[in-house]
Amino acid sequence: MSAPVQVVPLYRSILHQARLLSHTWSDHTLLRSHAHLARRNLEPLLPRSPPCDPGPSSSRSRAPHPPAQPPLLDDDLDLQWPPSTTQKRIKRARIHLRHLADANIGWPHAVKRAIDIAYARRGKLRRDALALLSPQPSSAPEEQRYPRRLRHKDVHPILAHLLTTQESMRGAAARPQHLKRLPPPYLPALDDPVLVKFGKRVGRTRMANAWRKWAGAQLKKVILPIDVQVPGGGQAERFRGIEERAASLDCPLPRRLRSGQATTTAGANAASSTLRVDPGPRKAPSPPYLDHARAEADRLSSGMRPQAMRKQSLRTHGWSRTPKDYARHARARRRIYAGLLEKSPLLRLASTAEAESVQASIDSAVPSAPGSGPRGGVGRDPLGLKAQLRDAMDRPSKASIGISEHATRRRGPRGAAPGSERALTDQEIKFLEQAGIVSASRA
């Protein structure tokens, strides 16, 4: 007999694993994002309490318990085809729970996946934010006589800047002329023999289909900005927070630097092999309510053992040989956030004099409601990124892309030489001076 599927315990298990992952990494964004995704997925299946109508004598009385829903069986989830929406939601929740359990055990690929989903580098949060930037049908008067599907598409300047900047694209960036006329094979080139000899015109249906395919392929390669910095709006807190985690020096020196330091500086103190800069208070012990989640992580995970990691087929798909204890290794956590910075550019908006005058007239004409700022309200936006992008789209300004200096591999400008050298940053010079590798006068 199949076991019934209880939706509320499944939802609570996801919250427990997300809370454990957030405590391990000391990052509340992980809990907020994964709890939002779990709630958004299972909300139609969770029991809802009817609104309570408190009387004059029962001001603190609770609402009556909702009627019990019939439990779902595992056989019902496998025999129905095509699967219903309920089946898809439950299976999606089970996959989410298994991925979080794998991340809590310490598998590196599961940890990277959980952090990427929480910071909108992939998954539902990224698709929701990209939906704001997608090309929209033109609202020009000459296009109104055509259906919306056949109208020419308007590309927002922010999306055009992201598509044509190498730092914000995975792979080759699009060229500015591609936004006016699509390149082959989507549309024939202007010097195509058929167009030159016969003057064949490209119809609107073919143009609309080509735009849909081209835009879908390009949006998959766009690296969504992690934060938006507006002039006079303060620092980008989310971007600076990831930088602080990636630039943490509270970890031992690499082995190659320790061996080189031992040969160059004879008789140096053994304590100098560890570089610490204001480590701060020690991390508090784990709360008791996380012990159950830690014990359940092994049961809820994928069940892979380190002995099975000897297979090359598994390692090629991202599985490491053994899981890592990220709670004890500060350098491993720093490398994860440094890799996150590589795919987390910062969108800077630089206002000009004309743009500032236009924005001032808009602000004076449309009064802002309380709590309607770029970070106000996170109903379906746990990061506040959609509100920031919406505010940036309404603000006339020039955009630029910035990459952190603490990223694992910085993306250089298009056409730069692969072996081009760059100057050391202030933090790298400070790191080398405190490690004793270079002197202050030489730096």
Protein backbone atom coordinates (compact mmCIF):
# COMPACT_ATOMS: atom_id res chain seq x y z
CA MET A 1 0.00 0.00 0.00
CA SER A 2 1.36 3.41 -0.93
CA ALA A 3 2.15 5.95 1.74
CA PRO A 4 0.07 9.14 1.73
CA VAL A 5 1.74 12.38 0.72
CA GLN A 6 1.29 15.03 3.42
CA VAL A 7 1.85 18.48 1.94
CA VAL A 8 2.35 20.37 5.22
CA PRO A 9 5.16 18.08 6.53
CA LEU A 10 6.81 18.27 3.10
CA TYR A 11 6.70 22.06 3.21
CA ARG A 12 8.07 22.13 6.77
CA SER A 13 10.92 19.80 5.83
CA ILE A 14 11.95 22.19 3.05
CA LEU A 15 11.93 25.09 5.53
CA HIS A 16 14.03 23.10 8.01
CA GLN A 17 16.67 22.27 5.41
CA ALA A 18 16.72 25.87 4.14
CA ARG A 19 17.12 27.16 7.70
CA LEU A 20 20.02 24.75 8.30
CA LEU A 21 21.74 25.83 5.09
CA SER A 22 21.28 29.49 6.02
CA HIS A 23 22.81 28.89 9.46
CA THR A 24 25.79 27.00 8.03
CA TRP A 25 26.63 29.84 5.65
CA SER A 26 25.45 32.68 7.95
CA ASP A 27 23.47 34.04 5.02
CA HIS A 28 19.81 34.90 5.54
CA THR A 29 19.28 35.31 1.79
CA LEU A 30 19.38 31.51 1.39
CA LEU A 31 16.50 31.01 3.82
CA ARG A 32 14.44 33.89 2.45
CA SER A 33 14.72 32.83 -1.19
CA HIS A 34 14.22 29.07 -0.73
CA ALA A 35 11.32 29.61 1.67
CA HIS A 36 9.73 31.92 -0.89
CA LEU A 37 10.12 29.33 -3.67
CA ALA A 38 8.73 26.52 -1.51
CA ARG A 39 5.75 28.61 -0.44
CA ARG A 40 5.06 29.76 -3.98
CA ASN A 41 5.10 26.17 -5.25
CA LEU A 42 2.98 24.53 -2.54
CA GLU A 43 0.69 27.42 -1.62
CA PRO A 44 -2.33 26.12 -3.62
CA LEU A 45 -2.04 22.75 -1.84
CA LEU A 46 -1.62 24.03 1.71
CA PRO A 47 -4.74 24.14 3.92
CA ARG A 48 -6.15 27.61 4.34
CA SER A 49 -7.86 28.79 7.50
CA PRO A 50 -11.08 30.78 7.00
CA PRO A 51 -10.99 34.38 8.25
CA CYS A 52 -11.86 34.66 11.93
CA ASP A 53 -14.75 36.93 12.90
CA PRO A 54 -13.97 37.88 16.49
CA GLY A 55 -17.04 38.64 18.55
CA PRO A 56 -17.31 41.08 21.41
CA SER A 57 -16.47 38.42 23.99
CA SER A 58 -13.97 36.32 22.01
CA SER A 59 -11.37 38.83 20.84
CA ARG A 60 -8.54 36.29 21.11
CA SER A 61 -10.37 33.25 19.82
CA ARG A 62 -8.75 31.28 17.01
CA ALA A 63 -10.25 30.42 13.67
CA PRO A 64 -11.81 26.96 13.38
CA HIS A 65 -9.54 24.21 12.11
CA PRO A 66 -9.84 23.76 8.31
CA PRO A 67 -11.37 20.54 7.08
CA ALA A 68 -8.89 17.74 6.49
CA GLN A 69 -7.97 17.19 2.87
CA PRO A 70 -7.78 13.67 1.47
CA PRO A 71 -4.14 12.55 1.39
CA LEU A 72 -2.47 11.96 -1.94
CA LEU A 73 -0.97 8.56 -2.67
CA ASP A 74 2.33 7.86 -4.34
CA ASP A 75 0.58 5.64 -6.88
CA ASP A 76 -1.58 8.57 -7.92
CA LEU A 77 1.56 10.58 -8.64
CA ASP A 78 2.96 7.95 -11.00
CA LEU A 79 -0.03 6.47 -12.84
CA GLN A 80 -1.67 9.63 -14.16
CA TRP A 81 -0.50 10.84 -17.55
CA PRO A 82 -0.24 13.58 -18.52
CA PRO A 83 0.59 14.60 -14.94
CA SER A 84 -1.71 17.06 -13.25
CA THR A 85 -0.64 20.35 -11.71
CA THR A 86 -0.80 18.81 -8.23
CA GLN A 87 1.56 16.03 -9.27
CA LYS A 88 4.02 18.50 -10.72
CA ARG A 89 4.00 20.65 -7.59
CA ILE A 90 4.63 17.73 -5.26
CA LYS A 91 7.42 16.30 -7.40
CA ARG A 92 8.99 19.75 -7.71
CA ALA A 93 8.86 20.12 -3.91
CA ARG A 94 10.49 16.71 -3.44
CA ILE A 95 13.30 17.63 -5.82
CA HIS A 96 13.75 20.93 -3.98
CA LEU A 97 13.97 19.10 -0.66
CA ARG A 98 16.49 16.59 -2.00
CA HIS A 99 18.69 19.35 -3.43
CA LEU A 100 18.73 21.25 -0.13
CA ALA A 101 19.60 18.05 1.76
CA ASP A 102 22.50 17.38 -0.62
CA ALA A 103 23.74 20.93 -0.02
CA ASN A 104 23.56 20.47 3.76
CA ILE A 105 25.57 17.25 3.51
CA GLY A 106 28.28 19.20 1.69
CA TRP A 107 28.28 18.12 -1.95
CA PRO A 108 29.91 21.08 -3.80
CA HIS A 109 27.66 21.01 -6.86
CA ALA A 110 24.53 21.02 -4.67
CA VAL A 111 25.87 23.94 -2.64
CA LYS A 112 26.58 25.98 -5.80
CA ARG A 113 23.14 25.16 -7.15
CA ALA A 114 21.39 26.23 -3.93
CA ILE A 115 23.31 29.52 -3.75
CA ASP A 116 22.77 30.26 -7.46
CA ILE A 117 19.02 29.72 -7.09
CA ALA A 118 18.85 31.88 -3.95
CA TYR A 119 20.68 34.77 -5.64
CA ALA A 120 18.65 34.52 -8.89
CA ARG A 121 21.57 33.23 -10.96
CA ARG A 122 19.34 30.42 -12.21
CA GLY A 123 15.86 29.07 -11.67
CA LYS A 124 12.51 30.74 -11.07
CA LEU A 125 13.78 34.00 -9.56
CA ARG A 126 16.03 34.63 -12.56
CA ARG A 127 13.22 33.97 -15.04
CA ASP A 128 10.88 36.32 -13.17
CA ALA A 129 13.45 39.13 -13.24
CA LEU A 130 14.25 38.58 -16.92
CA ALA A 131 10.54 38.77 -17.79
CA LEU A 132 10.69 42.50 -17.00
CA LEU A 133 13.51 43.04 -19.51
CA SER A 134 12.15 40.90 -22.34
CA PRO A 135 11.37 42.73 -25.65
CA GLN A 136 7.80 43.99 -25.83
CA PRO A 137 5.57 44.65 -28.88
CA SER A 138 5.92 48.17 -30.19
CA SER A 139 3.31 50.77 -29.22
CA ALA A 140 3.98 53.02 -32.22
CA PRO A 141 0.84 54.28 -34.02
CA GLU A 142 1.83 52.63 -37.30
CA GLU A 143 2.08 49.25 -35.54
CA GLN A 144 -1.36 49.33 -33.94
CA ARG A 145 -3.10 47.86 -37.00
CA TYR A 146 -1.19 44.58 -36.60
CA PRO A 147 -1.78 41.93 -33.91
CA ARG A 148 0.56 42.05 -30.92
CA ARG A 149 2.32 38.91 -32.08
CA LEU A 150 3.25 40.46 -35.44
CA ARG A 151 4.36 43.87 -34.23
CA HIS A 152 7.99 44.94 -34.18
CA LYS A 153 9.69 44.49 -30.81
CA ASP A 154 11.01 47.32 -28.65
CA VAL A 155 14.24 46.54 -26.76
CA HIS A 156 14.77 48.53 -23.58
CA PRO A 157 18.13 50.36 -23.40
CA ILE A 158 19.12 48.40 -20.28
CA LEU A 159 18.53 45.07 -22.02
CA ALA A 160 20.35 46.36 -25.11
CA HIS A 161 23.33 47.27 -22.94
CA LEU A 162 23.32 43.84 -21.30
CA LEU A 163 23.15 42.07 -24.67
CA THR A 164 26.00 44.07 -26.21
CA THR A 165 28.37 43.97 -23.19
CA GLN A 166 30.73 41.02 -22.89
CA GLU A 167 30.81 41.14 -19.07
CA SER A 168 27.07 40.44 -18.89
CA MET A 169 26.91 37.59 -21.44
CA ARG A 170 27.84 33.95 -21.37
CA GLY A 171 29.59 33.54 -24.69
CA ALA A 172 29.76 36.08 -27.48
CA ALA A 173 27.89 39.34 -26.98
CA ALA A 174 25.43 40.57 -29.56
CA ARG A 175 26.35 43.44 -31.84
CA PRO A 176 24.38 46.70 -31.83
CA GLN A 177 23.28 46.22 -35.44
CA HIS A 178 21.69 42.88 -34.51
CA LEU A 179 19.03 44.76 -32.54
CA LYS A 180 17.88 46.48 -35.75
CA ARG A 181 18.17 43.51 -38.11
CA LEU A 182 18.72 39.95 -36.96
CA PRO A 183 21.79 38.15 -38.29
CA PRO A 184 21.72 34.91 -40.27
CA PRO A 185 20.45 32.21 -39.90
CA TYR A 186 17.47 33.97 -38.27
CA LEU A 187 16.99 36.32 -41.22
CA PRO A 188 18.80 36.43 -44.57
CA ALA A 189 21.61 38.97 -44.87
CA LEU A 190 21.13 42.15 -46.87
CA ASP A 191 23.65 40.92 -49.44
CA ASP A 192 21.84 37.61 -49.87
CA PRO A 193 21.67 36.73 -53.61
CA VAL A 194 17.91 36.14 -53.45
CA LEU A 195 17.33 39.58 -51.93
CA VAL A 196 19.76 41.27 -54.30
CA LYS A 197 18.44 39.69 -57.49
CA PHE A 198 14.73 39.28 -56.81
CA GLY A 199 14.17 41.77 -54.00
CA LYS A 200 12.26 39.24 -51.92
CA ARG A 201 10.65 40.88 -48.89
CA VAL A 202 10.65 39.27 -45.45
CA GLY A 203 7.11 38.93 -44.13
CA ARG A 204 5.97 39.89 -40.65
CA THR A 205 5.23 36.33 -39.63
CA ARG A 206 8.75 35.25 -40.45
CA MET A 207 10.13 38.36 -38.71
CA ALA A 208 8.12 37.63 -35.55
CA ASN A 209 9.22 33.98 -35.45
CA ALA A 210 12.85 34.97 -35.96
CA TRP A 211 12.66 37.56 -33.18
CA ARG A 212 11.17 35.03 -30.78
CA LYS A 213 13.93 32.50 -31.46
CA TRP A 214 16.73 35.07 -31.32
CA ALA A 215 15.48 36.71 -28.14
CA GLY A 216 15.05 33.34 -26.43
CA ALA A 217 18.59 32.29 -27.33
CA GLN A 218 20.09 35.60 -26.17
CA LEU A 219 18.15 35.81 -22.89
CA LYS A 220 19.50 32.39 -21.93
CA LYS A 221 23.02 33.81 -22.16
CA VAL A 222 22.34 37.04 -20.26
CA ILE A 223 24.01 37.27 -16.84
CA LEU A 224 21.43 39.05 -14.73
CA PRO A 225 22.78 41.91 -12.58
CA ILE A 226 22.89 41.05 -8.89
CA ASP A 227 22.27 44.64 -7.82
CA VAL A 228 21.51 48.09 -9.23
CA GLN A 229 23.41 51.17 -8.14
CA VAL A 230 21.70 54.49 -8.85
CA PRO A 231 23.33 57.92 -8.42
CA GLY A 232 22.59 59.28 -4.98
CA GLY A 233 21.00 56.01 -3.87
CA GLY A 234 23.79 54.75 -1.63
CA GLN A 235 25.89 51.64 -1.97
CA ALA A 236 24.67 48.36 -3.44
CA GLU A 237 24.20 46.40 -0.22
CA ARG A 238 23.69 42.99 -1.82
CA PHE A 239 26.74 43.29 -4.09
CA ARG A 240 28.93 44.65 -1.27
CA GLY A 241 27.77 41.88 1.05
CA ILE A 242 28.88 39.17 -1.39
CA GLU A 243 32.19 41.00 -1.86
CA GLU A 244 32.81 40.99 1.88
CA ARG A 245 32.25 37.25 2.01
CA ALA A 246 34.49 36.62 -1.02
CA ALA A 247 37.27 38.90 0.30
CA SER A 248 37.36 37.39 3.79
CA LEU A 249 40.97 36.94 4.92
CA ASP A 250 40.08 34.85 7.97
CA CYS A 251 41.52 31.67 6.46
CA PRO A 252 45.00 30.08 6.24
CA LEU A 253 47.36 30.78 3.40
CA PRO A 254 47.46 28.33 0.48
CA ARG A 255 50.04 25.57 0.68
CA ARG A 256 52.18 26.93 -2.14
CA LEU A 257 52.45 30.31 -0.40
CA ARG A 258 53.33 28.68 2.93
CA SER A 259 56.12 26.65 1.34
CA GLY A 260 57.47 29.69 -0.51
CA GLN A 261 57.34 31.78 2.62
CA ALA A 262 59.26 29.13 4.59
CA THR A 263 62.12 29.12 2.06
CA THR A 264 62.40 32.91 1.66
CA THR A 265 61.95 33.96 5.28
CA ALA A 266 63.99 31.59 7.43
CA GLY A 267 63.17 31.59 11.09
CA ALA A 268 59.82 33.26 10.62
CA ASN A 269 57.24 32.73 13.24
CA ALA A 270 54.93 29.79 12.64
CA ALA A 271 51.97 31.98 13.45
CA SER A 272 52.62 34.06 10.36
CA SER A 273 51.48 31.15 8.17
CA THR A 274 47.95 32.05 9.11
CA LEU A 275 46.69 35.41 8.01
CA ARG A 276 43.90 36.83 10.13
CA VAL A 277 42.39 40.26 9.90
CA ASP A 278 39.86 41.02 12.63
CA PRO A 279 38.22 37.58 12.75
CA GLY A 280 35.48 38.90 15.03
CA PRO A 281 33.46 36.83 17.48
CA ARG A 282 33.38 33.07 17.13
CA LYS A 283 30.34 31.53 15.54
CA ALA A 284 27.66 30.53 18.04
CA PRO A 285 26.84 26.83 18.40
CA SER A 286 24.03 25.38 16.39
CA PRO A 287 20.53 25.96 17.87
CA PRO A 288 18.72 22.85 19.13
CA TYR A 289 15.95 23.12 16.53
CA LEU A 290 18.52 22.53 13.77
CA ASP A 291 19.69 19.19 15.17
CA HIS A 292 16.66 17.42 13.75
CA ALA A 293 17.21 18.98 10.30
CA ARG A 294 20.86 17.94 10.37
CA ALA A 295 19.89 14.38 11.30
CA GLU A 296 17.26 14.24 8.54
CA ALA A 297 19.60 15.57 5.83
CA ASP A 298 21.18 12.17 5.22
CA ARG A 299 17.79 10.46 4.89
CA LEU A 300 16.35 13.10 2.56
CA SER A 301 19.40 13.43 0.31
CA SER A 302 20.10 11.61 -2.94
CA GLY A 303 21.76 8.78 -1.03
CA MET A 304 25.10 8.96 -2.86
CA ARG A 305 28.09 7.64 -0.96
CA PRO A 306 31.76 8.63 -1.39
CA GLN A 307 32.55 5.09 -2.54
CA ALA A 308 30.30 5.57 -5.56
CA MET A 309 32.13 8.73 -6.58
CA ARG A 310 34.93 6.67 -8.12
CA LYS A 311 32.85 6.38 -11.26
CA GLN A 312 34.00 8.84 -13.88
CA SER A 313 30.46 9.16 -15.23
CA LEU A 314 29.28 10.73 -11.97
CA ARG A 315 32.24 13.08 -11.62
CA THR A 316 31.72 14.41 -15.13
CA HIS A 317 28.21 15.54 -14.11
CA GLY A 318 29.49 17.66 -11.22
CA TRP A 319 29.69 15.18 -8.35
CA SER A 320 32.83 15.54 -6.25
CA ARG A 321 34.68 12.63 -4.68
CA THR A 322 33.67 13.46 -1.11
CA PRO A 323 31.40 16.07 0.49
CA LYS A 324 32.98 19.04 2.26
CA ASP A 325 32.35 20.45 5.70
CA TYR A 326 31.78 24.08 4.75
CA ALA A 327 31.06 25.06 8.35
CA ARG A 328 34.71 24.43 9.26
CA HIS A 329 36.54 25.56 6.11
CA ALA A 330 36.48 29.33 5.63
CA ARG A 331 38.46 29.20 2.38
CA ALA A 332 35.92 26.84 0.79
CA ARG A 333 33.12 29.28 1.62
CA ARG A 334 35.17 32.19 0.27
CA ARG A 335 35.77 30.37 -3.02
CA ILE A 336 32.06 29.67 -3.42
CA TYR A 337 31.23 33.37 -3.07
CA ALA A 338 34.13 34.32 -5.35
CA GLY A 339 32.64 32.05 -8.00
CA LEU A 340 29.25 33.67 -7.38
CA LEU A 341 30.76 37.11 -8.03
CA GLU A 342 32.00 35.92 -11.42
CA LYS A 343 28.40 35.61 -12.60
CA SER A 344 27.01 38.54 -10.58
CA PRO A 345 27.70 41.85 -12.33
CA LEU A 346 26.68 45.20 -10.90
CA LEU A 347 24.47 47.50 -12.97
CA ARG A 348 25.51 51.14 -12.50
CA LEU A 349 23.26 53.96 -13.65
CA ALA A 350 25.00 57.29 -14.34
CA SER A 351 22.56 60.14 -14.77
CA THR A 352 23.30 63.00 -17.12
CA ALA A 353 22.08 66.59 -16.76
CA GLU A 354 19.26 66.02 -19.23
CA ALA A 355 18.25 62.75 -17.58
CA GLU A 356 18.22 64.35 -14.14
CA SER A 357 15.89 67.12 -15.34
CA VAL A 358 13.54 64.55 -16.92
CA GLN A 359 13.58 62.42 -13.77
CA ALA A 360 12.88 65.48 -11.60
CA SER A 361 9.85 66.36 -13.72
CA ILE A 362 8.59 62.77 -13.47
CA ASP A 363 9.04 62.73 -9.68
CA SER A 364 7.22 66.04 -9.30
CA ALA A 365 4.34 64.96 -11.53
CA VAL A 366 3.85 61.50 -9.98
CA PRO A 367 3.96 61.48 -6.16
CA SER A 368 5.54 58.36 -4.72
CA ALA A 369 3.44 56.23 -2.42
CA PRO A 370 4.88 55.20 0.96
CA GLY A 371 6.83 51.99 0.71
CA SER A 372 7.00 52.07 -3.09
CA GLY A 373 10.76 52.51 -3.34
CA PRO A 374 13.12 50.04 -5.03
CA ARG A 375 13.26 47.93 -1.88
CA GLY A 376 9.67 48.32 -0.72
CA GLY A 377 7.50 45.22 -0.72
CA VAL A 378 8.80 41.72 -1.41
CA GLY A 379 5.55 39.83 -2.08
CA ARG A 380 6.89 37.85 -5.05
CA ASP A 381 10.35 39.39 -5.00
CA PRO A 382 12.37 38.08 -2.02
CA LEU A 383 15.59 39.75 -3.21
CA GLY A 384 14.02 43.04 -4.23
CA LEU A 385 15.74 42.69 -7.62
CA LYS A 386 12.58 43.03 -9.71
CA ALA A 387 11.71 46.29 -7.97
CA GLN A 388 15.21 47.60 -8.60
CA LEU A 389 15.10 46.69 -12.28
CA ARG A 390 11.63 48.22 -12.63
CA ASP A 391 12.87 51.43 -11.04
CA ALA A 392 15.95 51.44 -13.29
CA MET A 393 13.79 50.99 -16.41
CA ASP A 394 11.71 54.03 -15.45
CA ARG A 395 14.81 56.15 -14.81
CA PRO A 396 16.39 57.76 -17.92
CA SER A 397 20.12 57.29 -17.46
CA LYS A 398 23.21 55.71 -18.94
CA ALA A 399 24.02 52.15 -17.83
CA SER A 400 27.36 50.43 -17.27
CA ILE A 401 28.39 46.99 -16.04
CA GLY A 402 30.86 46.47 -13.20
CA ILE A 403 32.61 43.23 -12.20
CA SER A 404 34.03 42.75 -8.72
CA GLU A 405 37.79 42.46 -8.32
CA HIS A 406 37.23 39.50 -5.99
CA ALA A 407 35.63 37.34 -8.69
CA THR A 408 37.28 34.02 -9.53
CA ARG A 409 37.95 34.89 -13.19
CA ARG A 410 37.31 38.44 -14.19
CA ARG A 411 35.78 38.89 -17.63
CA GLY A 412 37.98 41.20 -19.67
CA PRO A 413 36.82 43.49 -22.47
CA ARG A 414 36.08 42.04 -25.85
CA GLY A 415 39.22 41.59 -27.94
CA ALA A 416 41.65 41.85 -25.01
CA ALA A 417 44.82 39.81 -25.24
CA PRO A 418 44.66 36.57 -23.22
CA GLY A 419 48.02 37.23 -21.56
CA SER A 420 47.51 40.91 -20.78
CA GLU A 421 48.79 41.96 -17.37
CA ARG A 422 47.03 44.14 -14.84
CA ALA A 423 48.19 46.06 -11.80
CA LEU A 424 47.76 44.60 -8.31
CA THR A 425 44.85 45.91 -6.29
CA ASP A 426 45.26 47.48 -2.85
CA GLN A 427 43.88 44.40 -1.13
CA GLU A 428 46.24 42.08 -3.01
CA ILE A 429 49.21 44.27 -2.06
CA LYS A 430 48.08 44.25 1.58
CA PHE A 431 47.71 40.47 1.45
CA LEU A 432 51.24 39.97 0.08
CA GLU A 433 52.75 42.41 2.59
CA GLN A 434 51.17 40.73 5.61
CA ALA A 435 52.18 37.33 4.30
CA GLY A 436 55.80 38.49 4.06
CA ILE A 437 56.10 37.65 0.35
CA VAL A 438 56.90 41.20 -0.74
CA SER A 439 58.13 44.20 1.22
CA ALA A 440 56.29 47.46 1.57
CA SER A 441 58.92 49.39 -0.41
CA ARG A 442 58.81 46.91 -3.31
CA ALA A 443 55.02 46.96 -3.44
